[in-house]
Amino acid sequence: MFANHLVLVFPGTEFDPMLMAEWRTRTIQPAFYMTASYFLMRHFLGKSPTTTLWPVFLILLFFTLTQGLLFFDDPYKFGFPGMVMFLVSIFVTLFVRLSHAKRKKEIRMGTF
């Protein structure tokens, strides 16, 4: 996550490693820090997640949020692959949120 010297690119694109390092620096790292901050705050408040899917949902939510903020750049540097990744992350985030809601109801029904 923090090794910017590793070459990671979107599959099927010809992005250079520097552009992908910028994408990783502007999306994955802020999402990591926001997730860590949220869980530290919740830990110090004495609250725990309701299901095991909640942390996964938050990671995906913050990742999607940081990708959405990239669209405020003029011009958007990451082209069609970046937009596809954004749409996929929205879909997966919504799917995990619905799964969390379903699982939360199952847990509450079994406790009574």
PDB file of N, CA and C in Angstrom:
ATOM      1  N   MET A   1       0.818  -1.187   0.000  1.00  0.00           N
ATOM      2  CA  MET A   1       0.000   0.000   0.000  1.00  0.00           C
ATOM      3  C   MET A   1       0.866   1.258   0.000  1.00  0.00           C
ATOM      4  N   PHE A   2       1.941   1.238   0.752  1.00  0.00           N
ATOM      5  CA  PHE A   2       2.745   2.440   0.881  1.00  0.00           C
ATOM      6  C   PHE A   2       4.031   2.389   0.063  1.00  0.00           C
ATOM      7  N   ALA A   3       4.242   1.323  -0.677  1.00  0.00           N
ATOM      8  CA  ALA A   3       5.462   1.187  -1.480  1.00  0.00           C
ATOM      9  C   ALA A   3       5.202   1.738  -2.870  1.00  0.00           C
ATOM     10  N   ASN A   4       5.460   3.015  -3.059  1.00  0.00           N
ATOM     11  CA  ASN A   4       5.191   3.654  -4.347  1.00  0.00           C
ATOM     12  C   ASN A   4       6.126   3.196  -5.448  1.00  0.00           C
ATOM     13  N   HIS A   5       7.212   2.501  -5.104  1.00  0.00           N
ATOM     14  CA  HIS A   5       8.127   2.027  -6.129  1.00  0.00           C
ATOM     15  C   HIS A   5       7.614   0.764  -6.825  1.00  0.00           C
ATOM     16  N   LEU A   6       6.586   0.114  -6.260  1.00  0.00           N
ATOM     17  CA  LEU A   6       6.011  -1.057  -6.914  1.00  0.00           C
ATOM     18  C   LEU A   6       5.186  -0.622  -8.113  1.00  0.00           C
ATOM     19  N   VAL A   7       5.318  -1.331  -9.203  1.00  0.00           N
ATOM     20  CA  VAL A   7       4.612  -0.969 -10.429  1.00  0.00           C
ATOM     21  C   VAL A   7       3.260  -1.671 -10.431  1.00  0.00           C
ATOM     22  N   LEU A   8       2.208  -0.918 -10.248  1.00  0.00           N
ATOM     23  CA  LEU A   8       0.843  -1.430 -10.323  1.00  0.00           C
ATOM     24  C   LEU A   8       0.079  -0.556 -11.298  1.00  0.00           C
ATOM     25  N   VAL A   9      -0.566  -1.176 -12.267  1.00  0.00           N
ATOM     26  CA  VAL A   9      -1.344  -0.416 -13.241  1.00  0.00           C
ATOM     27  C   VAL A   9      -2.713  -1.053 -13.390  1.00  0.00           C
ATOM     28  N   PHE A  10      -3.655  -0.275 -13.911  1.00  0.00           N
ATOM     29  CA  PHE A  10      -4.950  -0.841 -14.241  1.00  0.00           C
ATOM     30  C   PHE A  10      -4.748  -1.881 -15.332  1.00  0.00           C
ATOM     31  N   PRO A  11      -5.362  -3.055 -15.208  1.00  0.00           N
ATOM     32  CA  PRO A  11      -5.200  -4.072 -16.246  1.00  0.00           C
ATOM     33  C   PRO A  11      -5.702  -3.571 -17.597  1.00  0.00           C
ATOM     34  N   GLY A  12      -4.924  -3.822 -18.626  1.00  0.00           N
ATOM     35  CA  GLY A  12      -5.334  -3.467 -19.975  1.00  0.00           C
ATOM     36  C   GLY A  12      -5.081  -2.023 -20.351  1.00  0.00           C
ATOM     37  N   THR A  13      -4.420  -1.263 -19.507  1.00  0.00           N
ATOM     38  CA  THR A  13      -4.119   0.131 -19.847  1.00  0.00           C
ATOM     39  C   THR A  13      -2.621   0.291 -20.008  1.00  0.00           C
ATOM     40  N   GLU A  14      -2.252   1.422 -20.548  1.00  0.00           N
ATOM     41  CA  GLU A  14      -0.835   1.709 -20.716  1.00  0.00           C
ATOM     42  C   GLU A  14      -0.430   2.895 -19.849  1.00  0.00           C
ATOM     43  N   PHE A  15      -1.045   3.012 -18.663  1.00  0.00           N
ATOM     44  CA  PHE A  15      -0.656   4.084 -17.752  1.00  0.00           C
ATOM     45  C   PHE A  15       0.775   3.871 -17.292  1.00  0.00           C
ATOM     46  N   ASP A  16       1.489   4.956 -17.133  1.00  0.00           N
ATOM     47  CA  ASP A  16       2.850   4.814 -16.630  1.00  0.00           C
ATOM     48  C   ASP A  16       2.823   4.657 -15.102  1.00  0.00           C
ATOM     49  N   PRO A  17       3.875   4.083 -14.542  1.00  0.00           N
ATOM     50  CA  PRO A  17       3.900   3.833 -13.096  1.00  0.00           C
ATOM     51  C   PRO A  17       3.749   5.092 -12.252  1.00  0.00           C
ATOM     52  N   MET A  18       4.217   6.232 -12.740  1.00  0.00           N
ATOM     53  CA  MET A  18       4.099   7.475 -11.964  1.00  0.00           C
ATOM     54  C   MET A  18       2.637   7.901 -11.837  1.00  0.00           C
ATOM     55  N   LEU A  19       1.865   7.731 -12.906  1.00  0.00           N
ATOM     56  CA  LEU A  19       0.451   8.080 -12.849  1.00  0.00           C
ATOM     57  C   LEU A  19      -0.286   7.151 -11.893  1.00  0.00           C
ATOM     58  N   MET A  20       0.070   5.873 -11.910  1.00  0.00           N
ATOM     59  CA  MET A  20      -0.572   4.924 -10.996  1.00  0.00           C
ATOM     60  C   MET A  20      -0.141   5.173  -9.556  1.00  0.00           C
ATOM     61  N   ALA A  21       1.103   5.593  -9.345  1.00  0.00           N
ATOM     62  CA  ALA A  21       1.547   5.947  -7.991  1.00  0.00           C
ATOM     63  C   ALA A  21       0.754   7.149  -7.492  1.00  0.00           C
ATOM     64  N   GLU A  22       0.462   8.100  -8.379  1.00  0.00           N
ATOM     65  CA  GLU A  22      -0.353   9.257  -7.986  1.00  0.00           C
ATOM     66  C   GLU A  22      -1.774   8.822  -7.649  1.00  0.00           C
ATOM     67  N   TRP A  23      -2.340   7.917  -8.456  1.00  0.00           N
ATOM     68  CA  TRP A  23      -3.699   7.431  -8.181  1.00  0.00           C
ATOM     69  C   TRP A  23      -3.752   6.743  -6.827  1.00  0.00           C
ATOM     70  N   ARG A  24      -2.759   5.886  -6.557  1.00  0.00           N
ATOM     71  CA  ARG A  24      -2.708   5.180  -5.279  1.00  0.00           C
ATOM     72  C   ARG A  24      -2.546   6.167  -4.119  1.00  0.00           C
ATOM     73  N   THR A  25      -1.705   7.176  -4.303  1.00  0.00           N
ATOM     74  CA  THR A  25      -1.480   8.171  -3.259  1.00  0.00           C
ATOM     75  C   THR A  25      -2.728   8.996  -2.998  1.00  0.00           C
ATOM     76  N   ARG A  26      -3.541   9.222  -4.022  1.00  0.00           N
ATOM     77  CA  ARG A  26      -4.712  10.081  -3.867  1.00  0.00           C
ATOM     78  C   ARG A  26      -5.995   9.328  -3.566  1.00  0.00           C
ATOM     79  N   THR A  27      -5.979   7.988  -3.626  1.00  0.00           N
ATOM     80  CA  THR A  27      -7.201   7.228  -3.327  1.00  0.00           C
ATOM     81  C   THR A  27      -7.011   6.230  -2.198  1.00  0.00           C
ATOM     82  N   ILE A  28      -6.084   5.318  -2.337  1.00  0.00           N
ATOM     83  CA  ILE A  28      -5.956   4.223  -1.373  1.00  0.00           C
ATOM     84  C   ILE A  28      -5.425   4.722  -0.035  1.00  0.00           C
ATOM     85  N   GLN A  29      -4.402   5.551  -0.052  1.00  0.00           N
ATOM     86  CA  GLN A  29      -3.841   6.015   1.210  1.00  0.00           C
ATOM     87  C   GLN A  29      -4.807   6.894   2.004  1.00  0.00           C
ATOM     88  N   PRO A  30      -5.507   7.865   1.400  1.00  0.00           N
ATOM     89  CA  PRO A  30      -6.489   8.619   2.190  1.00  0.00           C
ATOM     90  C   PRO A  30      -7.627   7.743   2.707  1.00  0.00           C
ATOM     91  N   ALA A  31      -8.051   6.763   1.894  1.00  0.00           N
ATOM     92  CA  ALA A  31      -9.110   5.856   2.362  1.00  0.00           C
ATOM     93  C   ALA A  31      -8.631   5.058   3.562  1.00  0.00           C
ATOM     94  N   PHE A  32      -7.375   4.636   3.548  1.00  0.00           N
ATOM     95  CA  PHE A  32      -6.808   3.915   4.691  1.00  0.00           C
ATOM     96  C   PHE A  32      -6.806   4.799   5.935  1.00  0.00           C
ATOM     97  N   TYR A  33      -6.356   6.038   5.800  1.00  0.00           N
ATOM     98  CA  TYR A  33      -6.280   6.928   6.949  1.00  0.00           C
ATOM     99  C   TYR A  33      -7.665   7.292   7.485  1.00  0.00           C
ATOM    100  N   MET A  34      -8.630   7.496   6.606  1.00  0.00           N
ATOM    101  CA  MET A  34      -9.987   7.795   7.073  1.00  0.00           C
ATOM    102  C   MET A  34     -10.587   6.601   7.804  1.00  0.00           C
ATOM    103  N   THR A  35     -10.351   5.392   7.288  1.00  0.00           N
ATOM    104  CA  THR A  35     -10.859   4.194   7.944  1.00  0.00           C
ATOM    105  C   THR A  35     -10.211   4.010   9.311  1.00  0.00           C
ATOM    106  N   ALA A  36      -8.907   4.167   9.369  1.00  0.00           N
ATOM    107  CA  ALA A  36      -8.212   4.032  10.649  1.00  0.00           C
ATOM    108  C   ALA A  36      -8.686   5.084  11.643  1.00  0.00           C
ATOM    109  N   SER A  37      -8.870   6.312  11.196  1.00  0.00           N
ATOM    110  CA  SER A  37      -9.354   7.372  12.082  1.00  0.00           C
ATOM    111  C   SER A  37     -10.746   7.064  12.614  1.00  0.00           C
ATOM    112  N   TYR A  38     -11.620   6.570  11.744  1.00  0.00           N
ATOM    113  CA  TYR A  38     -12.979   6.239  12.160  1.00  0.00           C
ATOM    114  C   TYR A  38     -12.966   5.155  13.239  1.00  0.00           C
ATOM    115  N   PHE A  39     -12.192   4.092  13.017  1.00  0.00           N
ATOM    116  CA  PHE A  39     -12.190   3.005  13.990  1.00  0.00           C
ATOM    117  C   PHE A  39     -11.481   3.376  15.281  1.00  0.00           C
ATOM    118  N   LEU A  40     -10.476   4.236  15.219  1.00  0.00           N
ATOM    119  CA  LEU A  40      -9.864   4.726  16.458  1.00  0.00           C
ATOM    120  C   LEU A  40     -10.855   5.553  17.265  1.00  0.00           C
ATOM    121  N   MET A  41     -11.588   6.421  16.571  1.00  0.00           N
ATOM    122  CA  MET A  41     -12.597   7.227  17.250  1.00  0.00           C
ATOM    123  C   MET A  41     -13.656   6.329  17.882  1.00  0.00           C
ATOM    124  N   ARG A  42     -14.142   5.346  17.139  1.00  0.00           N
ATOM    125  CA  ARG A  42     -15.154   4.431  17.674  1.00  0.00           C
ATOM    126  C   ARG A  42     -14.610   3.611  18.839  1.00  0.00           C
ATOM    127  N   HIS A  43     -13.345   3.228  18.778  1.00  0.00           N
ATOM    128  CA  HIS A  43     -12.733   2.468  19.863  1.00  0.00           C
ATOM    129  C   HIS A  43     -12.688   3.312  21.135  1.00  0.00           C
ATOM    130  N   PHE A  44     -12.265   4.567  21.019  1.00  0.00           N
ATOM    131  CA  PHE A  44     -12.174   5.420  22.201  1.00  0.00           C
ATOM    132  C   PHE A  44     -13.544   5.823  22.733  1.00  0.00           C
ATOM    133  N   LEU A  45     -14.568   5.774  21.886  1.00  0.00           N
ATOM    134  CA  LEU A  45     -15.933   6.033  22.352  1.00  0.00           C
ATOM    135  C   LEU A  45     -16.568   4.786  22.951  1.00  0.00           C
ATOM    136  N   GLY A  46     -15.900   3.641  22.828  1.00  0.00           N
ATOM    137  CA  GLY A  46     -16.397   2.392  23.406  1.00  0.00           C
ATOM    138  C   GLY A  46     -17.464   1.707  22.584  1.00  0.00           C
ATOM    139  N   LYS A  47     -17.506   1.995  21.291  1.00  0.00           N
ATOM    140  CA  LYS A  47     -18.502   1.382  20.412  1.00  0.00           C
ATOM    141  C   LYS A  47     -17.813   0.398  19.483  1.00  0.00           C
ATOM    142  N   SER A  48     -18.491  -0.684  19.173  1.00  0.00           N
ATOM    143  CA  SER A  48     -17.931  -1.683  18.263  1.00  0.00           C
ATOM    144  C   SER A  48     -18.858  -1.838  17.058  1.00  0.00           C
ATOM    145  N   PRO A  49     -18.323  -2.366  15.932  1.00  0.00           N
ATOM    146  CA  PRO A  49     -19.175  -2.557  14.755  1.00  0.00           C
ATOM    147  C   PRO A  49     -20.265  -3.592  15.015  1.00  0.00           C
ATOM    148  N   THR A  50     -21.385  -3.432  14.325  1.00  0.00           N
ATOM    149  CA  THR A  50     -22.521  -4.328  14.545  1.00  0.00           C
ATOM    150  C   THR A  50     -22.348  -5.668  13.854  1.00  0.00           C
ATOM    151  N   THR A  51     -21.706  -5.705  12.701  1.00  0.00           N
ATOM    152  CA  THR A  51     -21.445  -6.972  12.002  1.00  0.00           C
ATOM    153  C   THR A  51     -20.013  -6.965  11.489  1.00  0.00           C
ATOM    154  N   THR A  52     -19.566  -8.111  11.018  1.00  0.00           N
ATOM    155  CA  THR A  52     -18.213  -8.193  10.460  1.00  0.00           C
ATOM    156  C   THR A  52     -18.119  -7.518   9.097  1.00  0.00           C
ATOM    157  N   LEU A  53     -19.240  -7.226   8.465  1.00  0.00           N
ATOM    158  CA  LEU A  53     -19.223  -6.547   7.173  1.00  0.00           C
ATOM    159  C   LEU A  53     -19.052  -5.037   7.302  1.00  0.00           C
ATOM    160  N   TRP A  54     -19.288  -4.491   8.474  1.00  0.00           N
ATOM    161  CA  TRP A  54     -19.207  -3.038   8.646  1.00  0.00           C
ATOM    162  C   TRP A  54     -17.810  -2.487   8.336  1.00  0.00           C
ATOM    163  N   PRO A  55     -16.722  -3.100   8.827  1.00  0.00           N
ATOM    164  CA  PRO A  55     -15.398  -2.578   8.452  1.00  0.00           C
ATOM    165  C   PRO A  55     -15.128  -2.649   6.956  1.00  0.00           C
ATOM    166  N   VAL A  56     -15.563  -3.713   6.309  1.00  0.00           N
ATOM    167  CA  VAL A  56     -15.385  -3.838   4.861  1.00  0.00           C
ATOM    168  C   VAL A  56     -16.168  -2.742   4.138  1.00  0.00           C
ATOM    169  N   PHE A  57     -17.387  -2.481   4.603  1.00  0.00           N
ATOM    170  CA  PHE A  57     -18.192  -1.419   4.007  1.00  0.00           C
ATOM    171  C   PHE A  57     -17.508  -0.062   4.148  1.00  0.00           C
ATOM    172  N   LEU A  58     -16.968   0.217   5.325  1.00  0.00           N
ATOM    173  CA  LEU A  58     -16.324   1.518   5.527  1.00  0.00           C
ATOM    174  C   LEU A  58     -15.090   1.688   4.662  1.00  0.00           C
ATOM    175  N   ILE A  59     -14.297   0.643   4.528  1.00  0.00           N
ATOM    176  CA  ILE A  59     -13.120   0.729   3.662  1.00  0.00           C
ATOM    177  C   ILE A  59     -13.545   1.041   2.230  1.00  0.00           C
ATOM    178  N   LEU A  60     -14.555   0.331   1.745  1.00  0.00           N
ATOM    179  CA  LEU A  60     -15.040   0.567   0.381  1.00  0.00           C
ATOM    180  C   LEU A  60     -15.690   1.940   0.238  1.00  0.00           C
ATOM    181  N   LEU A  61     -16.407   2.376   1.262  1.00  0.00           N
ATOM    182  CA  LEU A  61     -17.043   3.697   1.215  1.00  0.00           C
ATOM    183  C   LEU A  61     -16.001   4.798   1.121  1.00  0.00           C
ATOM    184  N   PHE A  62     -14.982   4.745   1.959  1.00  0.00           N
ATOM    185  CA  PHE A  62     -13.945   5.777   1.922  1.00  0.00           C
ATOM    186  C   PHE A  62     -13.142   5.702   0.626  1.00  0.00           C
ATOM    187  N   PHE A  63     -12.926   4.501   0.101  1.00  0.00           N
ATOM    188  CA  PHE A  63     -12.233   4.343  -1.173  1.00  0.00           C
ATOM    189  C   PHE A  63     -13.055   4.967  -2.306  1.00  0.00           C
ATOM    190  N   THR A  64     -14.353   4.729  -2.300  1.00  0.00           N
ATOM    191  CA  THR A  64     -15.226   5.308  -3.315  1.00  0.00           C
ATOM    192  C   THR A  64     -15.277   6.825  -3.180  1.00  0.00           C
ATOM    193  N   LEU A  65     -15.326   7.310  -1.961  1.00  0.00           N
ATOM    194  CA  LEU A  65     -15.345   8.758  -1.721  1.00  0.00           C
ATOM    195  C   LEU A  65     -14.076   9.421  -2.252  1.00  0.00           C
ATOM    196  N   THR A  66     -12.918   8.838  -1.969  1.00  0.00           N
ATOM    197  CA  THR A  66     -11.674   9.439  -2.443  1.00  0.00           C
ATOM    198  C   THR A  66     -11.567   9.378  -3.964  1.00  0.00           C
ATOM    199  N   GLN A  67     -12.111   8.334  -4.575  1.00  0.00           N
ATOM    200  CA  GLN A  67     -12.125   8.292  -6.046  1.00  0.00           C
ATOM    201  C   GLN A  67     -13.047   9.368  -6.605  1.00  0.00           C
ATOM    202  N   GLY A  68     -14.186   9.586  -5.953  1.00  0.00           N
ATOM    203  CA  GLY A  68     -15.107  10.626  -6.402  1.00  0.00           C
ATOM    204  C   GLY A  68     -14.489  12.012  -6.339  1.00  0.00           C
ATOM    205  N   LEU A  69     -13.640  12.243  -5.355  1.00  0.00           N
ATOM    206  CA  LEU A  69     -12.982  13.546  -5.239  1.00  0.00           C
ATOM    207  C   LEU A  69     -12.008  13.801  -6.379  1.00  0.00           C
ATOM    208  N   LEU A  70     -11.522  12.740  -7.010  1.00  0.00           N
ATOM    209  CA  LEU A  70     -10.611  12.920  -8.144  1.00  0.00           C
ATOM    210  C   LEU A  70     -11.297  13.574  -9.341  1.00  0.00           C
ATOM    211  N   PHE A  71     -12.608  13.473  -9.420  1.00  0.00           N
ATOM    212  CA  PHE A  71     -13.321  14.063 -10.554  1.00  0.00           C
ATOM    213  C   PHE A  71     -13.344  15.585 -10.495  1.00  0.00           C
ATOM    214  N   PHE A  72     -12.955  16.157  -9.362  1.00  0.00           N
ATOM    215  CA  PHE A  72     -12.887  17.611  -9.264  1.00  0.00           C
ATOM    216  C   PHE A  72     -11.616  18.168  -9.894  1.00  0.00           C
ATOM    217  N   ASP A  73     -10.666  17.283 -10.254  1.00  0.00           N
ATOM    218  CA  ASP A  73      -9.469  17.726 -10.965  1.00  0.00           C
ATOM    219  C   ASP A  73      -9.845  18.176 -12.362  1.00  0.00           C
ATOM    220  N   ASP A  74      -9.095  19.141 -12.875  1.00  0.00           N
ATOM    221  CA  ASP A  74      -9.340  19.579 -14.242  1.00  0.00           C
ATOM    222  C   ASP A  74      -8.024  19.521 -14.989  1.00  0.00           C
ATOM    223  N   PRO A  75      -7.818  18.640 -15.887  1.00  0.00           N
ATOM    224  CA  PRO A  75      -8.686  17.578 -16.370  1.00  0.00           C
ATOM    225  C   PRO A  75      -8.535  16.304 -15.530  1.00  0.00           C
ATOM    226  N   TYR A  76      -9.485  15.411 -15.680  1.00  0.00           N
ATOM    227  CA  TYR A  76      -9.432  14.124 -14.989  1.00  0.00           C
ATOM    228  C   TYR A  76      -8.358  13.285 -15.666  1.00  0.00           C
ATOM    229  N   LYS A  77      -7.332  12.884 -14.926  1.00  0.00           N
ATOM    230  CA  LYS A  77      -6.144  12.255 -15.498  1.00  0.00           C
ATOM    231  C   LYS A  77      -6.275  10.760 -15.755  1.00  0.00           C
ATOM    232  N   PHE A  78      -7.233  10.104 -15.139  1.00  0.00           N
ATOM    233  CA  PHE A  78      -7.212   8.646 -15.110  1.00  0.00           C
ATOM    234  C   PHE A  78      -8.119   7.994 -16.139  1.00  0.00           C
ATOM    235  N   GLY A  79      -8.766   8.784 -16.969  1.00  0.00           N
ATOM    236  CA  GLY A  79      -9.487   8.298 -18.132  1.00  0.00           C
ATOM    237  C   GLY A  79     -10.578   7.279 -17.858  1.00  0.00           C
ATOM    238  N   PHE A  80     -10.853   6.504 -18.884  1.00  0.00           N
ATOM    239  CA  PHE A  80     -11.917   5.512 -18.823  1.00  0.00           C
ATOM    240  C   PHE A  80     -11.682   4.435 -17.764  1.00  0.00           C
ATOM    241  N   PRO A  81     -10.453   3.901 -17.626  1.00  0.00           N
ATOM    242  CA  PRO A  81     -10.237   2.882 -16.576  1.00  0.00           C
ATOM    243  C   PRO A  81     -10.528   3.411 -15.175  1.00  0.00           C
ATOM    244  N   GLY A  82     -10.201   4.662 -14.917  1.00  0.00           N
ATOM    245  CA  GLY A  82     -10.501   5.252 -13.611  1.00  0.00           C
ATOM    246  C   GLY A  82     -11.992   5.365 -13.369  1.00  0.00           C
ATOM    247  N   MET A  83     -12.734   5.727 -14.424  1.00  0.00           N
ATOM    248  CA  MET A  83     -14.190   5.818 -14.296  1.00  0.00           C
ATOM    249  C   MET A  83     -14.811   4.450 -14.073  1.00  0.00           C
ATOM    250  N   VAL A  84     -14.302   3.436 -14.774  1.00  0.00           N
ATOM    251  CA  VAL A  84     -14.810   2.069 -14.588  1.00  0.00           C
ATOM    252  C   VAL A  84     -14.537   1.601 -13.163  1.00  0.00           C
ATOM    253  N   MET A  85     -13.351   1.879 -12.662  1.00  0.00           N
ATOM    254  CA  MET A  85     -13.008   1.501 -11.286  1.00  0.00           C
ATOM    255  C   MET A  85     -13.928   2.199 -10.301  1.00  0.00           C
ATOM    256  N   PHE A  86     -14.240   3.445 -10.549  1.00  0.00           N
ATOM    257  CA  PHE A  86     -15.156   4.193  -9.690  1.00  0.00           C
ATOM    258  C   PHE A  86     -16.546   3.563  -9.698  1.00  0.00           C
ATOM    259  N   LEU A  87     -17.051   3.212 -10.874  1.00  0.00           N
ATOM    260  CA  LEU A  87     -18.371   2.591 -10.971  1.00  0.00           C
ATOM    261  C   LEU A  87     -18.395   1.215 -10.308  1.00  0.00           C
ATOM    262  N   VAL A  88     -17.339   0.445 -10.480  1.00  0.00           N
ATOM    263  CA  VAL A  88     -17.260  -0.869  -9.837  1.00  0.00           C
ATOM    264  C   VAL A  88     -17.239  -0.710  -8.321  1.00  0.00           C
ATOM    265  N   SER A  89     -16.488   0.262  -7.825  1.00  0.00           N
ATOM    266  CA  SER A  89     -16.427   0.455  -6.382  1.00  0.00           C
ATOM    267  C   SER A  89     -17.767   0.930  -5.823  1.00  0.00           C
ATOM    268  N   ILE A  90     -18.525   1.727  -6.581  1.00  0.00           N
ATOM    269  CA  ILE A  90     -19.872   2.121  -6.136  1.00  0.00           C
ATOM    270  C   ILE A  90     -20.758   0.886  -6.032  1.00  0.00           C
ATOM    271  N   PHE A  91     -20.728   0.043  -7.058  1.00  0.00           N
ATOM    272  CA  PHE A  91     -21.554  -1.168  -7.063  1.00  0.00           C
ATOM    273  C   PHE A  91     -21.200  -2.082  -5.894  1.00  0.00           C
ATOM    274  N   VAL A  92     -19.916  -2.319  -5.691  1.00  0.00           N
ATOM    275  CA  VAL A  92     -19.486  -3.218  -4.610  1.00  0.00           C
ATOM    276  C   VAL A  92     -19.834  -2.619  -3.242  1.00  0.00           C
ATOM    277  N   THR A  93     -19.670  -1.313  -3.095  1.00  0.00           N
ATOM    278  CA  THR A  93     -20.008  -0.652  -1.830  1.00  0.00           C
ATOM    279  C   THR A  93     -21.494  -0.802  -1.522  1.00  0.00           C
ATOM    280  N   LEU A  94     -22.343  -0.583  -2.523  1.00  0.00           N
ATOM    281  CA  LEU A  94     -23.784  -0.745  -2.303  1.00  0.00           C
ATOM    282  C   LEU A  94     -24.140  -2.197  -1.987  1.00  0.00           C
ATOM    283  N   PHE A  95     -23.502  -3.130  -2.669  1.00  0.00           N
ATOM    284  CA  PHE A  95     -23.755  -4.548  -2.407  1.00  0.00           C
ATOM    285  C   PHE A  95     -23.377  -4.919  -0.972  1.00  0.00           C
ATOM    286  N   VAL A  96     -22.222  -4.464  -0.522  1.00  0.00           N
ATOM    287  CA  VAL A  96     -21.786  -4.766   0.843  1.00  0.00           C
ATOM    288  C   VAL A  96     -22.700  -4.083   1.854  1.00  0.00           C
ATOM    289  N   ARG A  97     -23.164  -2.883   1.542  1.00  0.00           N
ATOM    290  CA  ARG A  97     -24.084  -2.179   2.463  1.00  0.00           C
ATOM    291  C   ARG A  97     -25.396  -2.948   2.603  1.00  0.00           C
ATOM    292  N   LEU A  98     -25.933  -3.423   1.493  1.00  0.00           N
ATOM    293  CA  LEU A  98     -27.163  -4.216   1.559  1.00  0.00           C
ATOM    294  C   LEU A  98     -26.937  -5.529   2.300  1.00  0.00           C
ATOM    295  N   SER A  99     -25.784  -6.143   2.085  1.00  0.00           N
ATOM    296  CA  SER A  99     -25.461  -7.381   2.803  1.00  0.00           C
ATOM    297  C   SER A  99     -25.323  -7.121   4.296  1.00  0.00           C
ATOM    298  N   HIS A 100     -24.743  -5.980   4.652  1.00  0.00           N
ATOM    299  CA  HIS A 100     -24.616  -5.622   6.070  1.00  0.00           C
ATOM    300  C   HIS A 100     -25.994  -5.440   6.706  1.00  0.00           C
ATOM    301  N   ALA A 101     -26.885  -4.746   5.995  1.00  0.00           N
ATOM    302  CA  ALA A 101     -28.233  -4.530   6.535  1.00  0.00           C
ATOM    303  C   ALA A 101     -28.959  -5.866   6.730  1.00  0.00           C
ATOM    304  N   LYS A 102     -28.799  -6.767   5.772  1.00  0.00           N
ATOM    305  CA  LYS A 102     -29.436  -8.082   5.882  1.00  0.00           C
ATOM    306  C   LYS A 102     -28.849  -8.866   7.052  1.00  0.00           C
ATOM    307  N   ARG A 103     -27.540  -8.847   7.176  1.00  0.00           N
ATOM    308  CA  ARG A 103     -26.870  -9.572   8.259  1.00  0.00           C
ATOM    309  C   ARG A 103     -27.219  -8.976   9.618  1.00  0.00           C
ATOM    310  N   LYS A 104     -27.347  -7.680   9.679  1.00  0.00           N
ATOM    311  CA  LYS A 104     -27.700  -7.004  10.935  1.00  0.00           C
ATOM    312  C   LYS A 104     -29.084  -7.434  11.403  1.00  0.00           C
ATOM    313  N   LYS A 105     -30.021  -7.560  10.468  1.00  0.00           N
ATOM    314  CA  LYS A 105     -31.362  -8.032  10.825  1.00  0.00           C
ATOM    315  C   LYS A 105     -31.330  -9.468  11.313  1.00  0.00           C
ATOM    316  N   GLU A 106     -30.503 -10.312  10.695  1.00  0.00           N
ATOM    317  CA  GLU A 106     -30.389 -11.707  11.112  1.00  0.00           C
ATOM    318  C   GLU A 106     -29.841 -11.800  12.538  1.00  0.00           C
ATOM    319  N   ILE A 107     -28.872 -10.967  12.855  1.00  0.00           N
ATOM    320  CA  ILE A 107     -28.277 -10.980  14.191  1.00  0.00           C
ATOM    321  C   ILE A 107     -29.295 -10.540  15.222  1.00  0.00           C
ATOM    322  N   ARG A 108     -30.049  -9.498  14.938  1.00  0.00           N
ATOM    323  CA  ARG A 108     -31.031  -8.998  15.887  1.00  0.00           C
ATOM    324  C   ARG A 108     -32.189  -9.960  16.073  1.00  0.00           C
ATOM    325  N   MET A 109     -32.588 -10.649  15.005  1.00  0.00           N
ATOM    326  CA  MET A 109     -33.688 -11.597  15.123  1.00  0.00           C
ATOM    327  C   MET A 109     -33.280 -12.777  15.997  1.00  0.00           C
ATOM    328  N   GLY A 110     -32.010 -13.177  15.945  1.00  0.00           N
ATOM    329  CA  GLY A 110     -31.555 -14.330  16.722  1.00  0.00           C
ATOM    330  C   GLY A 110     -31.310 -14.000  18.180  1.00  0.00           C
ATOM    331  N   THR A 111     -31.228 -12.737  18.539  1.00  0.00           N
ATOM    332  CA  THR A 111     -30.914 -12.384  19.923  1.00  0.00           C
ATOM    333  C   THR A 111     -32.150 -12.337  20.802  1.00  0.00           C
ATOM    334  N   PHE A 112     -33.334 -12.270  20.206  1.00  0.00           N
ATOM    335  CA  PHE A 112     -34.561 -12.154  21.022  1.00  0.00           C
ATOM    336  C   PHE A 112     -35.238 -13.482  21.210  1.00  0.00           C
TER     337      PHE A 112
END
